[in-house]
Amino acid sequence: TPMANPFPLEFEELAPFFSVAHKQCMVYEGPAPSPFPDVTPTPITNIRLDQAWGVTFHWHTLGALNYLVAGTWQLAVYLEEMGGGEFNLPGNVTNIPFVSAPHTYTHVFGFGPGAVTHEGAYRIVTRVDMAGPGGYQGPISAVGEGPIVKFYEVGP
C-alpha cells in the first residue's frame, strides 16, 4: 500500500515548555494537462513531468517558551531517486520567520512543470530546522518521510 498523504512531520522538541501539534506535510499536484484535465488522484502516486506539484508543510507551536524564542525555521524538500541516488530539486529550501508566540505555520512549496527532469520513482523527504537569531540550529527540528511518487512522461 502507498504511504499516507498527508504524512507525519516528526518533531523532536528538546526544549522545556515548548511543544508542536497538528504536524504534517502533504504532496499535491496541479491540474493534469490534456488529455486528463480534471484528474487529481488521491493518494498521489503518479505525477507527469509536465505537471505542477508541491508539498505543503503545516504545524502549530504551543507552550510558554514560544514567547522567549526568536529566529527562523528552515524548510526543505528532498527527492531520493529509487535506484539512482538523490535528485537536486531546484528551489527546495526556504526560511520563514519564527513567531514569538504560539502560532500555526503553513508553508507551500510549489514546483513548476519540468522541475523533475527525468522519469523515475522518488521518495519525498521533508525537513524543518529551527535556528536562533545568530543562525545556530536550535533544539527543535523535524523530518517527514513521504510517499514514493513516480514521475513520468506520456508519449507523443
Protein backbone atom coordinates (compact mmCIF):
# COMPACT_ATOMS: atom_id res chain seq x y z
CA THR A 1 0.00 0.00 0.00
CA PRO A 2 1.25 3.53 -0.68
CA MET A 3 2.32 5.71 2.23
CA ALA A 4 -0.28 8.09 3.58
CA ASN A 5 -0.76 11.51 2.09
CA PRO A 6 -0.74 13.67 4.18
CA PHE A 7 2.22 12.21 6.02
CA PRO A 8 3.52 12.94 9.54
CA LEU A 9 6.15 15.58 10.22
CA GLU A 10 8.02 14.12 13.23
CA PHE A 11 9.29 16.87 15.55
CA GLU A 12 11.94 16.40 18.20
CA GLU A 13 11.42 19.09 20.80
CA LEU A 14 14.40 19.29 23.14
CA ALA A 15 13.14 22.44 24.83
CA PRO A 16 11.06 22.65 28.02
CA PHE A 17 7.64 24.37 27.87
CA PHE A 18 7.51 24.01 24.08
CA SER A 19 5.53 21.54 22.02
CA VAL A 20 4.29 21.08 18.48
CA ALA A 21 0.86 19.84 17.39
CA HIS A 22 -1.01 19.23 14.12
CA LYS A 23 2.26 18.46 12.32
CA GLN A 24 2.11 17.09 8.81
CA CYS A 25 3.12 17.51 5.18
CA MET A 26 1.08 16.78 2.09
CA VAL A 27 2.06 16.20 -1.54
CA TYR A 28 -0.22 17.81 -4.10
CA GLU A 29 -0.28 18.03 -7.86
CA GLY A 30 -1.57 20.71 -10.15
CA PRO A 31 -4.23 20.12 -12.71
CA ALA A 32 -3.23 17.45 -15.18
CA PRO A 33 -2.67 18.78 -18.68
CA SER A 34 -4.70 17.29 -21.59
CA PRO A 35 -5.91 14.65 -22.16
CA PHE A 36 -6.87 14.32 -18.45
CA PRO A 37 -7.53 17.93 -17.32
CA ASP A 38 -9.62 17.19 -14.21
CA VAL A 39 -7.86 14.15 -12.78
CA THR A 40 -6.03 14.50 -9.46
CA PRO A 41 -5.96 11.07 -7.77
CA THR A 42 -5.63 10.62 -4.01
CA PRO A 43 -3.27 9.40 -2.72
CA ILE A 44 -0.90 10.90 -5.23
CA THR A 45 1.41 8.25 -6.65
CA ASN A 46 1.98 9.46 -10.22
CA ILE A 47 2.88 12.95 -11.42
CA ARG A 48 3.54 13.82 -15.04
CA LEU A 49 6.80 15.64 -15.75
CA ASP A 50 4.76 18.46 -17.34
CA GLN A 51 2.58 18.98 -14.23
CA ALA A 52 2.98 21.47 -11.41
CA TRP A 53 3.23 19.81 -7.99
CA GLY A 54 4.37 20.62 -4.48
CA VAL A 55 4.47 19.90 -0.78
CA THR A 56 2.52 21.73 1.93
CA PHE A 57 4.01 21.95 5.45
CA HIS A 58 1.72 22.52 8.46
CA TRP A 59 2.39 22.63 12.22
CA HIS A 60 1.31 24.52 15.36
CA THR A 61 3.58 25.53 18.25
CA LEU A 62 2.41 25.58 21.87
CA GLY A 63 3.86 26.47 25.28
CA ALA A 64 5.29 29.37 27.26
CA LEU A 65 8.77 29.10 25.71
CA ASN A 66 7.30 30.39 22.43
CA TYR A 67 7.35 33.92 23.89
CA LEU A 68 11.10 33.75 24.55
CA VAL A 69 12.33 32.14 21.32
CA ALA A 70 13.22 34.03 18.14
CA GLY A 71 14.86 33.15 14.85
CA THR A 72 13.82 31.33 11.70
CA TRP A 73 12.57 27.98 10.52
CA GLN A 74 14.38 26.42 7.59
CA LEU A 75 12.21 24.11 5.49
CA ALA A 76 13.44 21.73 2.81
CA VAL A 77 12.03 19.16 0.39
CA TYR A 78 14.27 16.39 -0.94
CA LEU A 79 13.73 13.75 -3.59
CA GLU A 80 15.60 10.49 -3.33
CA GLU A 81 15.52 8.59 -6.60
CA MET A 82 14.91 4.90 -6.04
CA GLY A 83 17.84 3.03 -7.54
CA GLY A 84 19.69 6.20 -8.54
CA GLY A 85 20.61 8.46 -5.61
CA GLU A 86 19.39 11.92 -4.73
CA PHE A 87 17.88 14.38 -7.18
CA ASN A 88 18.88 18.06 -6.96
CA LEU A 89 15.45 19.72 -6.80
CA PRO A 90 15.76 23.47 -7.56
CA GLY A 91 14.12 25.87 -5.08
CA ASN A 92 13.77 23.19 -2.40
CA VAL A 93 14.90 25.23 0.67
CA THR A 94 13.33 28.32 2.25
CA ASN A 95 13.43 30.25 5.52
CA ILE A 96 10.36 31.58 7.31
CA PRO A 97 10.34 33.71 10.47
CA PHE A 98 9.73 32.17 13.88
CA VAL A 99 6.72 33.85 15.51
CA SER A 100 7.45 34.54 19.20
CA ALA A 101 4.08 33.24 20.42
CA PRO A 102 2.07 30.06 19.94
CA HIS A 103 1.42 30.03 16.21
CA THR A 104 0.12 27.94 13.31
CA TYR A 105 2.56 27.66 10.42
CA THR A 106 1.60 26.66 6.89
CA HIS A 107 4.04 26.88 4.01
CA VAL A 108 3.55 25.68 0.44
CA PHE A 109 6.47 24.64 -1.75
CA GLY A 110 5.32 24.81 -5.35
CA PHE A 111 7.36 23.23 -8.12
CA GLY A 112 6.54 24.01 -11.72
CA PRO A 113 6.29 21.68 -14.67
CA GLY A 114 9.71 20.28 -15.52
CA ALA A 115 11.19 20.71 -12.01
CA VAL A 116 11.86 16.96 -12.11
CA THR A 117 13.69 16.39 -15.36
CA HIS A 118 13.58 12.63 -15.84
CA GLU A 119 11.24 9.75 -15.19
CA GLY A 120 11.62 7.60 -12.13
CA ALA A 121 10.31 6.68 -8.70
CA TYR A 122 11.26 9.16 -5.97
CA ARG A 123 10.79 9.14 -2.20
CA ILE A 124 9.82 12.56 -0.83
CA VAL A 125 11.58 13.60 2.38
CA THR A 126 10.92 16.87 4.25
CA ARG A 127 12.91 18.72 6.92
CA VAL A 128 12.25 21.59 9.35
CA ASP A 129 15.06 23.13 11.43
CA MET A 130 14.79 25.98 13.92
CA ALA A 131 17.70 28.43 14.02
CA GLY A 132 18.18 31.21 16.57
CA PRO A 133 18.94 34.85 15.69
CA GLY A 134 22.65 34.05 15.35
CA GLY A 135 21.91 31.37 12.77
CA TYR A 136 22.79 28.45 15.04
CA GLN A 137 20.46 25.48 14.91
CA GLY A 138 18.19 25.24 17.93
CA PRO A 139 16.91 22.22 19.83
CA ILE A 140 13.77 21.84 17.69
CA SER A 141 13.75 20.01 14.35
CA ALA A 142 11.61 17.67 12.31
CA VAL A 143 11.74 15.23 9.44
CA GLY A 144 8.97 13.69 7.40
CA GLU A 145 9.07 10.67 5.16
CA GLY A 146 6.53 10.97 2.41
CA PRO A 147 5.24 8.67 -0.25
CA ILE A 148 7.14 7.26 -3.18
CA VAL A 149 5.92 9.13 -6.25
CA LYS A 150 6.50 8.13 -9.83
CA PHE A 151 7.28 10.99 -12.22
CA TYR A 152 6.55 10.02 -15.80
CA GLU A 153 6.20 11.37 -19.33
CA VAL A 154 3.47 10.39 -21.76
CA GLY A 155 4.29 9.65 -25.36
CA PRO A 156 3.63 11.98 -28.27
